[in-house]
Amino acid sequence: MSRKLSIFLSLAAFLVAVPAHAEPQQFDIDKGHTFVTFKVSHIGFAWIPGAFTDFDGDLVYDPDNRANSKVTFTVKVPSIDTWHAERDKHLQSDDFFSAGEFPTAKFVSTAYEPAGENAAILRGNLTIKDITKPVEFQVKELAAKEDPWGYFRRGFEATTELKLADFGLDYAGPVPESATVTVALEATRAK
């Protein structure tokens, strides 16, 4: 075998043996298996749960360098549902969300900081009623594998505590000071 051929074959074998670094991966949010929920105290007696049922977002996840991951998420405020029609109407009014003037709330990540094998801190800016504030979500990375239909799927749960007055959601009455927001998200890798 010639020396050039031997060098070429050795180089080719080396390149095949070295694992390639994966690029950040785009994921499509599975709206049928994603939930944006919240709970607030009802004047100190019990919890009022709720959800936003109409939302959209973009997710990029980098399995080789998780810190490169990012997300943008938008909820449609008129989709708020607390299982009480009159309360939902009041929440959409100018007393709270002013949904007619500000129909969306948007989160844009600024950092994804791994905090263990299956945990991270997701930092970003949340805009509600045209007021933008930094927020921090505690993230659990739940699963990453192929589903029964052949799609590669990832699951996450992200939770934060929001001070309602920070976003102008401080109606002059007995309202809670904060809301716990949880996003349970499933997404499939874009093909």
C-alpha atoms as a PDB file:
ATOM      1  CA  MET A   1       0.000   0.000   0.000  1.00  0.00           C
ATOM      2  CA  SER A   2       1.348   3.420  -0.855  1.00  0.00           C
ATOM      3  CA  ARG A   3       2.224   5.844   1.889  1.00  0.00           C
ATOM      4  CA  LYS A   4      -0.361   8.417   0.669  1.00  0.00           C
ATOM      5  CA  LEU A   5      -3.141   5.810   0.661  1.00  0.00           C
ATOM      6  CA  SER A   6      -2.136   4.654   4.135  1.00  0.00           C
ATOM      7  CA  ILE A   7      -2.232   8.241   5.469  1.00  0.00           C
ATOM      8  CA  PHE A   8      -5.590   8.882   3.779  1.00  0.00           C
ATOM      9  CA  LEU A   9      -7.154   5.705   5.237  1.00  0.00           C
ATOM     10  CA  SER A  10      -5.793   6.512   8.702  1.00  0.00           C
ATOM     11  CA  LEU A  11      -7.216  10.028   8.521  1.00  0.00           C
ATOM     12  CA  ALA A  12     -10.590   8.735   7.286  1.00  0.00           C
ATOM     13  CA  ALA A  13     -10.745   6.174  10.118  1.00  0.00           C
ATOM     14  CA  PHE A  14      -9.920   8.906  12.636  1.00  0.00           C
ATOM     15  CA  LEU A  15     -12.639  11.210  11.324  1.00  0.00           C
ATOM     16  CA  VAL A  16     -15.228   8.426  11.486  1.00  0.00           C
ATOM     17  CA  ALA A  17     -14.182   7.500  15.033  1.00  0.00           C
ATOM     18  CA  VAL A  18     -14.361  11.083  16.398  1.00  0.00           C
ATOM     19  CA  PRO A  19     -17.923  11.819  17.445  1.00  0.00           C
ATOM     20  CA  ALA A  20     -19.438  14.809  15.720  1.00  0.00           C
ATOM     21  CA  HIS A  21     -20.763  17.594  17.890  1.00  0.00           C
ATOM     22  CA  ALA A  22     -24.482  17.965  17.475  1.00  0.00           C
ATOM     23  CA  GLU A  23     -25.838  21.311  16.449  1.00  0.00           C
ATOM     24  CA  PRO A  24     -28.487  22.993  18.564  1.00  0.00           C
ATOM     25  CA  GLN A  25     -31.802  21.336  17.712  1.00  0.00           C
ATOM     26  CA  GLN A  26     -35.058  23.079  16.835  1.00  0.00           C
ATOM     27  CA  PHE A  27     -38.141  21.619  18.556  1.00  0.00           C
ATOM     28  CA  ASP A  28     -41.828  22.021  17.764  1.00  0.00           C
ATOM     29  CA  ILE A  29     -43.979  22.577  20.837  1.00  0.00           C
ATOM     30  CA  ASP A  30     -46.661  19.909  21.173  1.00  0.00           C
ATOM     31  CA  LYS A  31     -49.682  22.044  22.078  1.00  0.00           C
ATOM     32  CA  GLY A  32     -51.754  18.988  22.932  1.00  0.00           C
ATOM     33  CA  HIS A  33     -49.285  18.017  25.670  1.00  0.00           C
ATOM     34  CA  THR A  34     -48.162  21.441  26.899  1.00  0.00           C
ATOM     35  CA  PHE A  35     -49.879  23.372  29.663  1.00  0.00           C
ATOM     36  CA  VAL A  36     -49.418  26.912  30.961  1.00  0.00           C
ATOM     37  CA  THR A  37     -50.937  26.972  34.433  1.00  0.00           C
ATOM     38  CA  PHE A  38     -50.944  29.260  37.432  1.00  0.00           C
ATOM     39  CA  LYS A  39     -52.303  29.435  40.932  1.00  0.00           C
ATOM     40  CA  VAL A  40     -53.025  32.390  43.181  1.00  0.00           C
ATOM     41  CA  SER A  41     -54.267  32.617  46.729  1.00  0.00           C
ATOM     42  CA  HIS A  42     -57.927  33.476  47.212  1.00  0.00           C
ATOM     43  CA  ILE A  43     -57.584  35.998  50.047  1.00  0.00           C
ATOM     44  CA  GLY A  44     -55.594  33.514  52.073  1.00  0.00           C
ATOM     45  CA  PHE A  45     -58.169  30.699  52.152  1.00  0.00           C
ATOM     46  CA  ALA A  46     -57.512  28.442  49.173  1.00  0.00           C
ATOM     47  CA  TRP A  47     -55.863  28.342  45.757  1.00  0.00           C
ATOM     48  CA  ILE A  48     -57.496  29.557  42.571  1.00  0.00           C
ATOM     49  CA  PRO A  49     -56.000  27.570  39.693  1.00  0.00           C
ATOM     50  CA  GLY A  50     -56.003  28.758  36.125  1.00  0.00           C
ATOM     51  CA  ALA A  51     -54.493  28.237  32.692  1.00  0.00           C
ATOM     52  CA  PHE A  52     -53.783  29.979  29.441  1.00  0.00           C
ATOM     53  CA  THR A  53     -55.045  27.644  26.736  1.00  0.00           C
ATOM     54  CA  ASP A  54     -53.773  29.431  23.606  1.00  0.00           C
ATOM     55  CA  PHE A  55     -50.017  29.878  23.226  1.00  0.00           C
ATOM     56  CA  ASP A  56     -47.115  29.425  20.858  1.00  0.00           C
ATOM     57  CA  GLY A  57     -43.363  29.313  21.089  1.00  0.00           C
ATOM     58  CA  ASP A  58     -39.964  28.370  19.733  1.00  0.00           C
ATOM     59  CA  LEU A  59     -37.544  26.031  21.466  1.00  0.00           C
ATOM     60  CA  VAL A  60     -33.907  25.378  20.586  1.00  0.00           C
ATOM     61  CA  TYR A  61     -32.084  22.800  22.703  1.00  0.00           C
ATOM     62  CA  ASP A  62     -28.379  21.974  22.470  1.00  0.00           C
ATOM     63  CA  PRO A  63     -27.676  18.545  23.996  1.00  0.00           C
ATOM     64  CA  ASP A  64     -23.891  19.061  23.815  1.00  0.00           C
ATOM     65  CA  ASN A  65     -23.914  22.515  25.393  1.00  0.00           C
ATOM     66  CA  ARG A  66     -27.172  23.009  27.248  1.00  0.00           C
ATOM     67  CA  ALA A  67     -26.271  26.639  27.952  1.00  0.00           C
ATOM     68  CA  ASN A  68     -26.846  27.329  24.232  1.00  0.00           C
ATOM     69  CA  SER A  69     -30.534  26.413  24.602  1.00  0.00           C
ATOM     70  CA  LYS A  70     -33.172  29.115  24.264  1.00  0.00           C
ATOM     71  CA  VAL A  71     -36.920  29.602  24.200  1.00  0.00           C
ATOM     72  CA  THR A  72     -39.476  32.206  23.201  1.00  0.00           C
ATOM     73  CA  PHE A  73     -43.031  31.729  24.432  1.00  0.00           C
ATOM     74  CA  THR A  74     -46.186  33.798  23.877  1.00  0.00           C
ATOM     75  CA  VAL A  75     -49.576  33.312  25.531  1.00  0.00           C
ATOM     76  CA  LYS A  76     -52.800  34.850  24.294  1.00  0.00           C
ATOM     77  CA  VAL A  77     -54.277  36.604  27.325  1.00  0.00           C
ATOM     78  CA  PRO A  78     -57.934  36.184  26.239  1.00  0.00           C
ATOM     79  CA  SER A  79     -57.433  32.423  26.574  1.00  0.00           C
ATOM     80  CA  ILE A  80     -57.236  32.698  30.380  1.00  0.00           C
ATOM     81  CA  ASP A  81     -59.416  30.065  32.031  1.00  0.00           C
ATOM     82  CA  THR A  82     -60.089  29.812  35.774  1.00  0.00           C
ATOM     83  CA  TRP A  83     -63.217  27.706  35.279  1.00  0.00           C
ATOM     84  CA  HIS A  84     -65.391  30.671  36.257  1.00  0.00           C
ATOM     85  CA  ALA A  85     -66.655  32.786  33.324  1.00  0.00           C
ATOM     86  CA  GLU A  86     -67.299  35.988  35.299  1.00  0.00           C
ATOM     87  CA  ARG A  87     -63.864  35.869  36.939  1.00  0.00           C
ATOM     88  CA  ASP A  88     -62.208  35.244  33.553  1.00  0.00           C
ATOM     89  CA  LYS A  89     -64.028  38.262  32.104  1.00  0.00           C
ATOM     90  CA  HIS A  90     -62.856  40.391  35.054  1.00  0.00           C
ATOM     91  CA  LEU A  91     -59.249  39.188  34.667  1.00  0.00           C
ATOM     92  CA  GLN A  92     -59.312  40.231  30.996  1.00  0.00           C
ATOM     93  CA  SER A  93     -60.680  43.689  31.878  1.00  0.00           C
ATOM     94  CA  ASP A  94     -58.695  46.870  32.486  1.00  0.00           C
ATOM     95  CA  ASP A  95     -58.685  46.022  36.213  1.00  0.00           C
ATOM     96  CA  PHE A  96     -56.093  43.308  35.486  1.00  0.00           C
ATOM     97  CA  PHE A  97     -54.677  42.229  32.092  1.00  0.00           C
ATOM     98  CA  SER A  98     -56.331  44.821  29.792  1.00  0.00           C
ATOM     99  CA  ALA A  99     -56.590  42.041  27.197  1.00  0.00           C
ATOM    100  CA  GLY A 100     -58.190  44.328  24.613  1.00  0.00           C
ATOM    101  CA  GLU A 101     -55.124  46.584  24.578  1.00  0.00           C
ATOM    102  CA  PHE A 102     -52.499  43.945  25.474  1.00  0.00           C
ATOM    103  CA  PRO A 103     -53.681  40.631  23.992  1.00  0.00           C
ATOM    104  CA  THR A 104     -50.407  38.751  24.510  1.00  0.00           C
ATOM    105  CA  ALA A 105     -47.804  38.107  27.186  1.00  0.00           C
ATOM    106  CA  LYS A 106     -44.344  37.107  25.976  1.00  0.00           C
ATOM    107  CA  PHE A 107     -41.259  35.460  27.480  1.00  0.00           C
ATOM    108  CA  VAL A 108     -37.858  35.621  25.738  1.00  0.00           C
ATOM    109  CA  SER A 109     -34.982  33.723  27.322  1.00  0.00           C
ATOM    110  CA  THR A 110     -31.627  35.360  27.933  1.00  0.00           C
ATOM    111  CA  ALA A 111     -29.795  32.430  29.571  1.00  0.00           C
ATOM    112  CA  TYR A 112     -30.191  28.717  30.230  1.00  0.00           C
ATOM    113  CA  GLU A 113     -27.918  27.686  33.084  1.00  0.00           C
ATOM    114  CA  PRO A 114     -27.559  23.948  33.773  1.00  0.00           C
ATOM    115  CA  ALA A 115     -27.926  23.222  37.497  1.00  0.00           C
ATOM    116  CA  GLY A 116     -27.340  19.493  37.615  1.00  0.00           C
ATOM    117  CA  GLU A 117     -27.957  16.595  35.284  1.00  0.00           C
ATOM    118  CA  ASN A 118     -31.686  17.214  34.763  1.00  0.00           C
ATOM    119  CA  ALA A 119     -32.160  20.724  36.095  1.00  0.00           C
ATOM    120  CA  ALA A 120     -31.521  24.265  34.936  1.00  0.00           C
ATOM    121  CA  ILE A 121     -32.303  27.885  35.625  1.00  0.00           C
ATOM    122  CA  LEU A 122     -34.024  29.618  32.731  1.00  0.00           C
ATOM    123  CA  ARG A 123     -33.606  33.390  32.820  1.00  0.00           C
ATOM    124  CA  GLY A 124     -35.359  35.813  30.554  1.00  0.00           C
ATOM    125  CA  ASN A 125     -37.612  38.801  30.092  1.00  0.00           C
ATOM    126  CA  LEU A 126     -41.364  38.565  30.554  1.00  0.00           C
ATOM    127  CA  THR A 127     -43.617  41.216  29.075  1.00  0.00           C
ATOM    128  CA  ILE A 128     -47.164  41.663  30.383  1.00  0.00           C
ATOM    129  CA  LYS A 129     -49.192  44.819  29.639  1.00  0.00           C
ATOM    130  CA  ASP A 130     -46.153  46.309  27.869  1.00  0.00           C
ATOM    131  CA  ILE A 131     -44.154  46.036  31.123  1.00  0.00           C
ATOM    132  CA  THR A 132     -40.976  43.954  30.779  1.00  0.00           C
ATOM    133  CA  LYS A 133     -39.256  42.465  33.806  1.00  0.00           C
ATOM    134  CA  PRO A 134     -36.551  39.814  34.257  1.00  0.00           C
ATOM    135  CA  VAL A 135     -37.830  36.479  35.567  1.00  0.00           C
ATOM    136  CA  GLU A 136     -36.228  33.180  36.497  1.00  0.00           C
ATOM    137  CA  PHE A 137     -37.757  29.721  36.031  1.00  0.00           C
ATOM    138  CA  GLN A 138     -36.582  26.593  37.833  1.00  0.00           C
ATOM    139  CA  VAL A 139     -36.511  23.908  35.131  1.00  0.00           C
ATOM    140  CA  LYS A 140     -36.705  20.138  35.407  1.00  0.00           C
ATOM    141  CA  GLU A 141     -35.670  18.269  32.266  1.00  0.00           C
ATOM    142  CA  LEU A 142     -38.063  15.334  32.467  1.00  0.00           C
ATOM    143  CA  ALA A 143     -37.343  13.058  29.510  1.00  0.00           C
ATOM    144  CA  ALA A 144     -35.590  12.922  26.149  1.00  0.00           C
ATOM    145  CA  LYS A 145     -36.290   9.929  23.928  1.00  0.00           C
ATOM    146  CA  GLU A 146     -38.111   8.604  20.921  1.00  0.00           C
ATOM    147  CA  ASP A 147     -41.866   8.346  21.379  1.00  0.00           C
ATOM    148  CA  PRO A 148     -44.003   5.410  20.145  1.00  0.00           C
ATOM    149  CA  TRP A 149     -44.607   7.195  16.817  1.00  0.00           C
ATOM    150  CA  GLY A 150     -40.928   7.596  15.972  1.00  0.00           C
ATOM    151  CA  TYR A 151     -40.488  11.261  16.931  1.00  0.00           C
ATOM    152  CA  PHE A 152     -37.707  12.375  19.241  1.00  0.00           C
ATOM    153  CA  ARG A 153     -39.407  14.175  22.118  1.00  0.00           C
ATOM    154  CA  ARG A 154     -38.266  16.215  25.120  1.00  0.00           C
ATOM    155  CA  GLY A 155     -40.252  17.078  28.242  1.00  0.00           C
ATOM    156  CA  PHE A 156     -39.710  19.979  30.636  1.00  0.00           C
ATOM    157  CA  GLU A 157     -41.371  21.557  33.636  1.00  0.00           C
ATOM    158  CA  ALA A 158     -40.586  25.191  34.425  1.00  0.00           C
ATOM    159  CA  THR A 159     -41.867  27.063  37.483  1.00  0.00           C
ATOM    160  CA  THR A 160     -41.577  30.635  38.690  1.00  0.00           C
ATOM    161  CA  GLU A 161     -43.164  32.979  41.208  1.00  0.00           C
ATOM    162  CA  LEU A 162     -44.336  36.326  39.809  1.00  0.00           C
ATOM    163  CA  LYS A 163     -45.027  39.457  41.849  1.00  0.00           C
ATOM    164  CA  LEU A 164     -48.265  40.673  40.314  1.00  0.00           C
ATOM    165  CA  ALA A 165     -47.666  44.363  41.072  1.00  0.00           C
ATOM    166  CA  ASP A 166     -44.477  44.207  38.958  1.00  0.00           C
ATOM    167  CA  PHE A 167     -46.728  43.822  35.895  1.00  0.00           C
ATOM    168  CA  GLY A 168     -49.513  46.214  36.881  1.00  0.00           C
ATOM    169  CA  LEU A 169     -51.790  43.374  38.008  1.00  0.00           C
ATOM    170  CA  ASP A 170     -52.569  44.951  41.377  1.00  0.00           C
ATOM    171  CA  TYR A 171     -56.256  45.766  41.281  1.00  0.00           C
ATOM    172  CA  ALA A 172     -57.396  47.834  44.283  1.00  0.00           C
ATOM    173  CA  GLY A 173     -59.043  45.045  46.199  1.00  0.00           C
ATOM    174  CA  PRO A 174     -58.207  41.857  48.040  1.00  0.00           C
ATOM    175  CA  VAL A 175     -55.886  40.410  45.414  1.00  0.00           C
ATOM    176  CA  PRO A 176     -52.939  38.104  45.893  1.00  0.00           C
ATOM    177  CA  GLU A 177     -49.416  39.502  45.819  1.00  0.00           C
ATOM    178  CA  SER A 178     -47.962  36.709  43.712  1.00  0.00           C
ATOM    179  CA  ALA A 179     -48.771  33.902  41.315  1.00  0.00           C
ATOM    180  CA  THR A 180     -47.017  30.590  40.860  1.00  0.00           C
ATOM    181  CA  VAL A 181     -46.686  29.891  37.129  1.00  0.00           C
ATOM    182  CA  THR A 182     -45.837  26.439  35.784  1.00  0.00           C
ATOM    183  CA  VAL A 183     -45.222  25.471  32.176  1.00  0.00           C
ATOM    184  CA  ALA A 184     -45.328  21.733  31.522  1.00  0.00           C
ATOM    185  CA  LEU A 185     -43.924  21.426  28.018  1.00  0.00           C
ATOM    186  CA  GLU A 186     -43.452  18.632  25.521  1.00  0.00           C
ATOM    187  CA  ALA A 187     -41.779  19.231  22.187  1.00  0.00           C
ATOM    188  CA  THR A 188     -40.737  17.097  19.227  1.00  0.00           C
ATOM    189  CA  ARG A 189     -37.512  17.610  17.325  1.00  0.00           C
ATOM    190  CA  ALA A 190     -38.202  19.323  14.027  1.00  0.00           C
ATOM    191  CA  LYS A 191     -37.535  17.107  11.032  1.00  0.00           C
END
